[in-house]
Amino acid sequence: MSAPHSLPLGDMPLETFLSDYWQKRPLLIRQAIPGIQPPIEADELAGLACEEGVESRLIQWQRDQDLWKMEHGPFPESRFSELPSRDWTLLVQAVDQQSPEAHALLRQFDFIPNWRLDDLMISFAVTGGGVGPHYDNYDVFLLQVSGQRQWEIGPLCNEHSPRRQDAPVMILPEWHPEETYVLEPGDLLYLPPGVSHNGISLSDDCMTCSIGFRAPSHQEMLRSFSDYIGEHLGHDLRYSDPDLSTQTHPGEIQAAALDKIQQLLLDCLKDRRALERWFGQWITEAKYEPAPLEGEESSVEELRAFLQEGGRLQSSERSRFAYICQDNAQWLFCCEGESHLTGPELHTLVQHLCRYTALDAETPGALTDTGLELLSTLINQGVVYALED
């Protein structure tokens, strides 16, 4: 699971991080990425928050009244000139889908599997800005890229923990931090799910990148999988009881009937191939609407000529990619809610796609008939695009 680039874990081996910290306890790494530069300027971030289709929030704290206010984008450009001099923060989700530099930064965390990565959110705050003490249901790396932010770490919380009812965001009403850190550019703080925390900007140029991870709830998975199984079962499959026996009262649902129903449902869960198709497709579904396709569809022959003439292809930063090894001869390659069976000749190509590595004629499998067919399909779906010189 190691990545081809250096890991942002300082001197700590990946195995140590996974065994001792991942989903277990917080970790502060000083200068995890030395000399880091913001992947996007503050005014560019504000510009993204003005665009349709970009999820953004503006959170203000009225210090004198201890009141919180939240606004959702897109914002008019004039909104940012109206803000006070302190106590506000702008949050923009999935900046990795809008900025190649932000996407490259997100990829530095691919020592955790692709399907667990969610997005890179960027928050920009002036002095005093923050979102209040809270906790998340997922793992998060908090990377300081400009300015300073103070992080206060508190106890573990869950859905039963008290929260303020007068706030538009989830805020813990009683806050008693156990540890406090000030992060400078390049410093990284890892927090497991449920660890309460409170980030407060100490400067007017505070920018923090939050690398968040997906943690599907059992409820989400069960609902989605049952829907998938239901759609693929034949209508003629019905409950039957040719071995029905007499019973004393017609109102009783007997244990034998429940045993049979339980076994019917368990048999659905035993179909490993169905589980693989469902999960691969579901976990790679787009979180946001894809960008509209431009130009005409690409044919296999046009693509072959493009690659042979030195053209290069790139996996879209807006798309999710993953694969499942069904056996040595067959992989299930999944992207954007679709799945494709691939043979050994395409395994390297699939891994390049999942790493968002540029593809060319030298990429193993790219110029095979099956490789060209797959790439042509992905281009026409908008999940792979041609790189400009």
Protein backbone atom coordinates (compact mmCIF):
# COMPACT_ATOMS: atom_id res chain seq x y z
CA MET A 1 0.00 0.00 0.00
CA SER A 2 3.03 2.29 -0.10
CA ALA A 3 2.98 5.25 -2.46
CA PRO A 4 5.70 6.24 -4.93
CA HIS A 5 6.16 9.63 -3.23
CA SER A 6 7.46 10.42 0.26
CA LEU A 7 4.91 10.04 3.04
CA PRO A 8 3.88 13.05 5.16
CA LEU A 9 4.61 11.18 8.38
CA GLY A 10 7.99 12.60 9.29
CA ASP A 11 10.39 9.86 10.36
CA MET A 12 7.58 7.51 11.38
CA PRO A 13 7.27 4.29 9.35
CA LEU A 14 3.86 3.77 7.80
CA GLU A 15 3.49 0.46 9.62
CA THR A 16 3.95 2.23 12.97
CA PHE A 17 1.37 4.87 12.11
CA LEU A 18 -1.20 2.27 11.07
CA SER A 19 -0.63 -0.01 14.06
CA ASP A 20 -0.28 2.62 16.79
CA TYR A 21 -2.30 5.66 15.67
CA TRP A 22 -4.74 5.07 12.80
CA GLN A 23 -8.25 5.04 14.31
CA LYS A 24 -6.68 4.85 17.79
CA ARG A 25 -5.22 8.16 18.99
CA PRO A 26 -4.22 11.63 17.79
CA LEU A 27 -0.79 12.35 16.38
CA LEU A 28 1.03 15.65 15.82
CA ILE A 29 3.83 15.63 13.23
CA ARG A 30 5.95 18.76 13.10
CA GLN A 31 7.10 19.70 9.59
CA ALA A 32 5.42 16.74 7.95
CA ILE A 33 5.72 18.62 4.65
CA PRO A 34 8.57 21.17 5.06
CA GLY A 35 8.40 24.29 2.94
CA ILE A 36 4.82 23.68 1.89
CA GLN A 37 3.05 26.36 -0.14
CA PRO A 38 -0.73 26.84 -0.21
CA PRO A 39 -2.19 24.81 -3.09
CA ILE A 40 -4.44 27.77 -3.87
CA GLU A 41 -4.37 31.48 -3.03
CA ALA A 42 -6.95 32.94 -0.65
CA ASP A 43 -8.59 35.05 -3.36
CA GLU A 44 -8.82 32.00 -5.65
CA LEU A 45 -10.48 30.07 -2.83
CA ALA A 46 -12.98 32.90 -2.39
CA GLY A 47 -13.57 32.79 -6.14
CA LEU A 48 -14.41 29.08 -5.95
CA ALA A 49 -16.90 29.85 -3.18
CA CYS A 50 -18.72 32.13 -5.64
CA GLU A 51 -19.19 29.35 -8.22
CA GLU A 52 -22.26 27.18 -8.72
CA GLY A 53 -21.64 23.52 -8.01
CA VAL A 54 -18.93 24.17 -5.43
CA GLU A 55 -19.90 23.38 -1.83
CA SER A 56 -18.84 26.20 0.47
CA ARG A 57 -19.75 27.68 3.84
CA LEU A 58 -19.02 30.91 5.66
CA ILE A 59 -19.07 30.65 9.45
CA GLN A 60 -18.97 33.65 11.78
CA TRP A 61 -18.80 33.85 15.55
CA GLN A 62 -20.31 36.87 17.27
CA ARG A 63 -17.93 36.98 20.18
CA ASP A 64 -19.87 39.42 22.38
CA GLN A 65 -23.04 37.28 22.27
CA ASP A 66 -21.43 33.85 21.75
CA LEU A 67 -23.62 33.33 18.69
CA TRP A 68 -22.76 31.35 15.57
CA LYS A 69 -23.94 32.11 12.05
CA MET A 70 -23.51 30.01 8.91
CA GLU A 71 -24.12 30.91 5.26
CA HIS A 72 -23.96 28.55 2.29
CA GLY A 73 -22.43 29.45 -1.08
CA PRO A 74 -22.34 30.34 -3.84
CA PHE A 75 -21.63 33.85 -2.58
CA PRO A 76 -21.69 37.16 -4.43
CA GLU A 77 -18.18 38.56 -4.80
CA SER A 78 -19.16 41.56 -2.70
CA ARG A 79 -19.83 39.33 0.32
CA PHE A 80 -16.15 39.04 1.27
CA SER A 81 -15.59 42.81 1.37
CA GLU A 82 -18.44 43.08 3.89
CA LEU A 83 -16.91 40.73 6.45
CA PRO A 84 -15.56 41.95 9.81
CA SER A 85 -11.86 42.00 10.62
CA ARG A 86 -11.94 38.87 12.80
CA ASP A 87 -13.86 35.75 13.89
CA TRP A 88 -14.89 34.29 10.52
CA THR A 89 -13.80 31.36 8.40
CA LEU A 90 -14.50 30.23 4.84
CA LEU A 91 -14.67 26.50 4.11
CA VAL A 92 -14.63 25.06 0.59
CA GLN A 93 -15.13 21.34 0.01
CA ALA A 94 -13.43 19.15 -2.60
CA VAL A 95 -10.87 21.71 -3.70
CA ASP A 96 -8.90 18.74 -5.06
CA GLN A 97 -11.51 18.55 -7.83
CA GLN A 98 -10.93 22.18 -8.80
CA SER A 99 -7.17 22.60 -8.42
CA PRO A 100 -4.41 20.30 -9.78
CA GLU A 101 -2.12 21.45 -6.96
CA ALA A 102 -4.73 20.55 -4.33
CA HIS A 103 -5.27 17.18 -5.98
CA ALA A 104 -1.53 16.50 -5.97
CA LEU A 105 -1.49 17.31 -2.25
CA LEU A 106 -4.39 14.93 -1.60
CA ARG A 107 -2.53 12.15 -3.42
CA GLN A 108 0.27 12.39 -0.85
CA PHE A 109 -2.16 10.66 1.52
CA ASP A 110 -2.88 7.67 -0.71
CA PHE A 111 -1.11 5.39 1.75
CA ILE A 112 -4.73 4.96 2.85
CA PRO A 113 -6.77 3.15 0.13
CA ASN A 114 -8.47 5.28 -2.53
CA TRP A 115 -11.95 4.18 -1.54
CA ARG A 116 -11.43 5.56 1.97
CA LEU A 117 -10.26 9.00 0.78
CA ASP A 118 -13.04 11.57 0.60
CA ASP A 119 -11.76 15.00 -0.35
CA LEU A 120 -9.49 17.90 0.49
CA MET A 121 -11.37 20.73 2.17
CA ILE A 122 -9.64 24.08 2.63
CA SER A 123 -10.51 26.56 5.33
CA PHE A 124 -9.31 30.15 5.29
CA ALA A 125 -9.72 32.16 8.47
CA VAL A 126 -8.81 35.51 9.92
CA THR A 127 -7.77 35.93 13.55
CA GLY A 128 -10.29 34.25 15.86
CA GLY A 129 -11.93 32.33 13.05
CA GLY A 130 -13.03 28.73 13.54
CA VAL A 131 -16.07 26.48 13.59
CA GLY A 132 -16.24 25.87 17.33
CA PRO A 133 -15.49 22.75 19.40
CA HIS A 134 -16.87 19.67 17.65
CA TYR A 135 -16.04 16.13 16.59
CA ASP A 136 -16.14 14.28 13.27
CA ASN A 137 -17.30 10.76 12.46
CA TYR A 138 -14.30 10.14 10.24
CA ASP A 139 -10.51 10.27 10.29
CA VAL A 140 -8.95 13.57 9.31
CA PHE A 141 -5.48 14.98 8.70
CA LEU A 142 -5.26 18.73 9.41
CA LEU A 143 -2.38 20.26 7.48
CA GLN A 144 -1.40 23.87 8.11
CA VAL A 145 -0.31 25.55 4.86
CA SER A 146 -0.17 29.24 5.86
CA GLY A 147 -0.55 31.30 9.01
CA GLN A 148 -1.00 29.76 12.45
CA ARG A 149 -3.85 27.83 14.01
CA GLN A 150 -4.27 26.72 17.60
CA TRP A 151 -5.78 23.26 18.00
CA GLU A 152 -7.37 22.20 21.25
CA ILE A 153 -7.97 18.46 21.68
CA GLY A 154 -10.68 17.11 23.97
CA PRO A 155 -12.25 13.77 24.92
CA LEU A 156 -13.97 11.23 22.71
CA CYS A 157 -17.56 12.07 21.77
CA ASN A 158 -20.42 10.31 19.99
CA GLU A 159 -23.99 10.90 18.83
CA HIS A 160 -25.17 10.92 22.44
CA SER A 161 -22.82 13.73 23.48
CA PRO A 162 -24.58 17.03 24.30
CA ARG A 163 -24.51 19.71 21.63
CA ARG A 164 -25.68 23.29 21.41
CA GLN A 165 -29.20 23.62 20.06
CA ASP A 166 -28.83 27.29 19.11
CA ALA A 167 -25.95 26.80 16.64
CA PRO A 168 -26.26 26.09 12.89
CA VAL A 169 -23.28 23.73 13.09
CA MET A 170 -22.58 20.93 15.54
CA ILE A 171 -20.88 22.57 18.55
CA LEU A 172 -20.17 20.98 21.91
CA PRO A 173 -21.68 23.13 24.71
CA GLU A 174 -19.06 22.42 27.36
CA TRP A 175 -15.48 22.56 26.26
CA HIS A 176 -12.59 21.41 28.41
CA PRO A 177 -9.52 20.80 26.23
CA GLU A 178 -6.98 18.26 27.36
CA GLU A 179 -4.15 19.26 25.00
CA THR A 180 -3.30 22.39 23.00
CA TYR A 181 -1.00 22.76 19.99
CA VAL A 182 -0.11 25.67 17.73
CA LEU A 183 0.48 24.57 14.14
CA GLU A 184 2.80 26.36 11.73
CA PRO A 185 2.95 25.81 7.95
CA GLY A 186 4.04 22.22 7.27
CA ASP A 187 2.74 20.85 10.59
CA LEU A 188 0.19 18.02 10.47
CA LEU A 189 -2.35 16.86 13.06
CA TYR A 190 -4.10 13.49 12.69
CA LEU A 191 -7.38 12.91 14.53
CA PRO A 192 -9.30 9.61 14.68
CA PRO A 193 -13.12 9.57 14.52
CA GLY A 194 -14.89 10.93 17.58
CA VAL A 195 -11.97 12.93 19.02
CA SER A 196 -13.31 16.38 19.89
CA HIS A 197 -11.29 19.36 18.72
CA ASN A 198 -11.42 23.12 18.33
CA GLY A 199 -9.33 25.08 15.84
CA ILE A 200 -8.81 28.82 16.31
CA SER A 201 -6.94 31.00 13.84
CA LEU A 202 -4.09 33.01 15.34
CA SER A 203 -3.40 35.05 12.19
CA ASP A 204 -5.20 36.79 9.34
CA ASP A 205 -3.75 34.41 6.75
CA CYS A 206 -4.65 31.08 8.32
CA MET A 207 -5.18 28.35 5.73
CA THR A 208 -5.70 24.73 6.74
CA CYS A 209 -6.14 21.74 4.44
CA SER A 210 -8.39 19.02 5.85
CA ILE A 211 -7.86 15.62 4.28
CA GLY A 212 -11.02 13.77 5.21
CA PHE A 213 -11.80 10.08 4.88
CA ARG A 214 -14.97 8.23 4.06
CA ALA A 215 -16.54 6.13 6.80
CA PRO A 216 -19.78 4.69 5.38
CA SER A 217 -22.34 4.00 8.07
CA HIS A 218 -23.71 0.49 8.47
CA GLN A 219 -27.12 1.97 7.70
CA GLU A 220 -25.91 3.43 4.39
CA MET A 221 -24.26 0.20 3.30
CA LEU A 222 -27.18 -2.03 4.23
CA ARG A 223 -29.70 0.18 2.45
CA SER A 224 -27.58 0.48 -0.68
CA PHE A 225 -26.70 -3.21 -0.88
CA SER A 226 -30.28 -4.33 -0.28
CA ASP A 227 -31.45 -1.97 -3.05
CA TYR A 228 -28.79 -3.39 -5.38
CA ILE A 229 -29.69 -7.00 -4.60
CA GLY A 230 -33.40 -6.24 -4.96
CA GLU A 231 -32.89 -4.75 -8.41
CA HIS A 232 -31.04 -7.85 -9.60
CA LEU A 233 -33.35 -10.55 -8.24
CA GLY A 234 -35.93 -12.06 -10.59
CA HIS A 235 -39.60 -11.24 -9.93
CA ASP A 236 -40.47 -14.95 -10.00
CA LEU A 237 -38.37 -15.66 -6.92
CA ARG A 238 -40.98 -15.91 -4.16
CA TYR A 239 -41.32 -17.26 -0.66
CA SER A 240 -42.58 -20.83 -0.75
CA ASP A 241 -43.43 -23.41 1.90
CA PRO A 242 -44.24 -26.81 0.36
CA ASP A 243 -43.36 -28.35 3.74
CA LEU A 244 -46.00 -26.31 5.60
CA SER A 245 -47.31 -28.15 8.65
CA THR A 246 -50.34 -27.65 10.86
CA GLN A 247 -50.26 -25.06 13.64
CA THR A 248 -52.48 -24.36 16.62
CA HIS A 249 -53.24 -20.67 16.01
CA PRO A 250 -53.34 -18.84 12.63
CA GLY A 251 -51.95 -15.65 14.14
CA GLU A 252 -48.58 -17.15 15.00
CA ILE A 253 -45.51 -16.62 12.81
CA GLN A 254 -43.64 -19.80 13.57
CA ALA A 255 -39.92 -20.17 14.08
CA ALA A 256 -39.66 -22.43 11.02
CA ALA A 257 -40.96 -19.64 8.77
CA LEU A 258 -38.58 -17.10 10.28
CA ASP A 259 -35.68 -19.52 9.90
CA LYS A 260 -36.50 -19.91 6.22
CA ILE A 261 -36.77 -16.15 5.68
CA GLN A 262 -33.52 -15.54 7.52
CA GLN A 263 -31.78 -18.13 5.35
CA LEU A 264 -33.17 -16.54 2.17
CA LEU A 265 -31.71 -13.18 3.17
CA LEU A 266 -28.39 -14.68 4.28
CA ASP A 267 -28.07 -16.46 0.93
CA CYS A 268 -28.25 -13.07 -0.79
CA LEU A 269 -25.30 -11.88 1.29
CA LYS A 270 -23.23 -14.93 0.35
CA ASP A 271 -22.96 -13.90 -3.31
CA ARG A 272 -19.40 -12.55 -3.20
CA ARG A 273 -19.39 -11.41 -6.84
CA ALA A 274 -22.58 -9.41 -6.28
CA LEU A 275 -21.01 -7.86 -3.18
CA GLU A 276 -17.91 -6.90 -5.17
CA ARG A 277 -19.90 -5.33 -8.02
CA TRP A 278 -22.16 -3.41 -5.64
CA PHE A 279 -19.40 -2.09 -3.40
CA GLY A 280 -17.01 -1.16 -6.19
CA GLN A 281 -19.72 0.72 -8.05
CA TRP A 282 -21.25 2.33 -4.97
CA ILE A 283 -18.02 3.50 -3.35
CA THR A 284 -16.79 5.14 -6.58
CA GLU A 285 -19.98 7.07 -7.30
CA ALA A 286 -19.42 10.77 -7.87
CA LYS A 287 -20.08 12.96 -4.83
CA TYR A 288 -20.72 16.00 -7.01
CA GLU A 289 -22.13 16.47 -10.49
CA PRO A 290 -19.46 15.76 -13.13
CA ALA A 291 -18.28 18.51 -15.44
CA PRO A 292 -20.15 18.60 -18.78
CA LEU A 293 -18.44 16.77 -21.63
CA GLU A 294 -16.85 18.89 -24.33
CA GLY A 295 -16.32 17.95 -27.97
CA GLU A 296 -17.19 14.79 -29.84
CA GLU A 297 -16.86 11.22 -28.62
CA SER A 298 -13.54 9.49 -29.16
CA SER A 299 -13.30 6.32 -31.26
CA VAL A 300 -10.82 3.52 -30.66
CA GLU A 301 -8.92 4.28 -33.87
CA GLU A 302 -8.71 8.01 -33.10
CA LEU A 303 -7.41 7.18 -29.64
CA ARG A 304 -4.82 4.75 -31.04
CA ALA A 305 -3.51 7.45 -33.39
CA PHE A 306 -3.49 10.03 -30.58
CA LEU A 307 -1.32 7.82 -28.35
CA GLN A 308 0.99 6.72 -31.15
CA GLU A 309 1.63 10.38 -31.99
CA GLY A 310 2.81 11.06 -28.44
CA GLY A 311 -0.47 12.04 -26.80
CA ARG A 312 -1.02 11.52 -23.08
CA LEU A 313 -4.11 10.78 -21.01
CA GLN A 314 -4.97 11.64 -17.42
CA SER A 315 -7.52 10.31 -14.93
CA SER A 316 -9.97 13.07 -14.03
CA GLU A 317 -9.39 14.66 -10.62
CA ARG A 318 -13.19 14.74 -10.23
CA SER A 319 -13.52 10.96 -10.51
CA ARG A 320 -13.01 8.06 -8.11
CA PHE A 321 -11.16 4.90 -9.19
CA ALA A 322 -10.64 1.53 -7.50
CA TYR A 323 -10.24 -2.12 -8.40
CA ILE A 324 -10.94 -5.51 -6.85
CA CYS A 325 -8.75 -8.57 -7.51
CA GLN A 326 -11.29 -11.30 -8.19
CA ASP A 327 -8.49 -13.72 -9.08
CA ASN A 328 -5.08 -13.58 -10.78
CA ALA A 329 -6.66 -13.48 -14.22
CA GLN A 330 -9.52 -11.05 -13.63
CA TRP A 331 -9.92 -7.72 -11.89
CA LEU A 332 -13.05 -5.64 -11.44
CA PHE A 333 -12.14 -2.04 -12.27
CA CYS A 334 -14.62 0.51 -10.90
CA CYS A 335 -15.09 4.22 -11.51
CA GLU A 336 -17.97 6.68 -11.25
CA GLY A 337 -20.46 3.98 -10.27
CA GLU A 338 -19.57 1.71 -13.20
CA SER A 339 -17.54 -1.51 -13.29
CA HIS A 340 -15.42 -3.19 -15.97
CA LEU A 341 -13.93 -6.68 -15.98
CA THR A 342 -10.26 -6.56 -16.99
CA GLY A 343 -7.71 -9.26 -17.79
CA PRO A 344 -4.02 -9.45 -16.84
CA GLU A 345 -2.94 -7.37 -19.85
CA LEU A 346 -4.71 -4.34 -18.32
CA HIS A 347 -3.63 -4.67 -14.69
CA THR A 348 -0.82 -2.11 -14.95
CA LEU A 349 -3.08 0.25 -16.90
CA VAL A 350 -5.76 -0.02 -14.20
CA GLN A 351 -3.21 0.73 -11.47
CA HIS A 352 -2.03 3.81 -13.39
CA LEU A 353 -5.62 5.03 -13.64
CA CYS A 354 -6.15 4.53 -9.91
CA ARG A 355 -2.95 6.44 -9.11
CA TYR A 356 -3.93 9.30 -11.44
CA THR A 357 -0.67 8.72 -13.30
CA ALA A 358 -0.42 10.08 -16.84
CA LEU A 359 -0.82 7.41 -19.54
CA ASP A 360 0.90 7.22 -22.91
CA ALA A 361 1.74 4.68 -25.60
CA GLU A 362 4.44 3.18 -23.35
CA THR A 363 1.97 2.34 -20.58
CA PRO A 364 1.54 -1.46 -20.60
CA GLY A 365 -1.83 -2.39 -22.07
CA ALA A 366 -2.67 1.06 -23.41
CA LEU A 367 -2.40 0.10 -27.09
CA THR A 368 -4.02 -3.33 -26.82
CA ASP A 369 -7.52 -3.68 -28.25
CA THR A 370 -9.06 -4.14 -24.81
CA GLY A 371 -7.02 -1.26 -23.39
CA LEU A 372 -8.09 1.11 -26.14
CA GLU A 373 -11.72 0.06 -25.73
CA LEU A 374 -11.59 0.71 -21.99
CA LEU A 375 -9.83 4.07 -22.37
CA SER A 376 -12.21 5.15 -25.13
CA THR A 377 -15.18 4.32 -22.89
CA LEU A 378 -13.66 6.26 -19.98
CA ILE A 379 -12.92 9.27 -22.20
CA ASN A 380 -16.47 9.31 -23.50
CA GLN A 381 -17.74 9.12 -19.91
CA GLY A 382 -15.60 12.12 -18.97
CA VAL A 383 -13.48 10.31 -16.38
CA VAL A 384 -10.28 10.37 -18.47
CA TYR A 385 -9.10 13.33 -20.53
CA ALA A 386 -6.30 14.24 -22.94
CA LEU A 387 -3.41 16.23 -21.48
CA GLU A 388 -2.45 19.38 -23.31
CA ASP A 389 1.20 19.89 -24.28
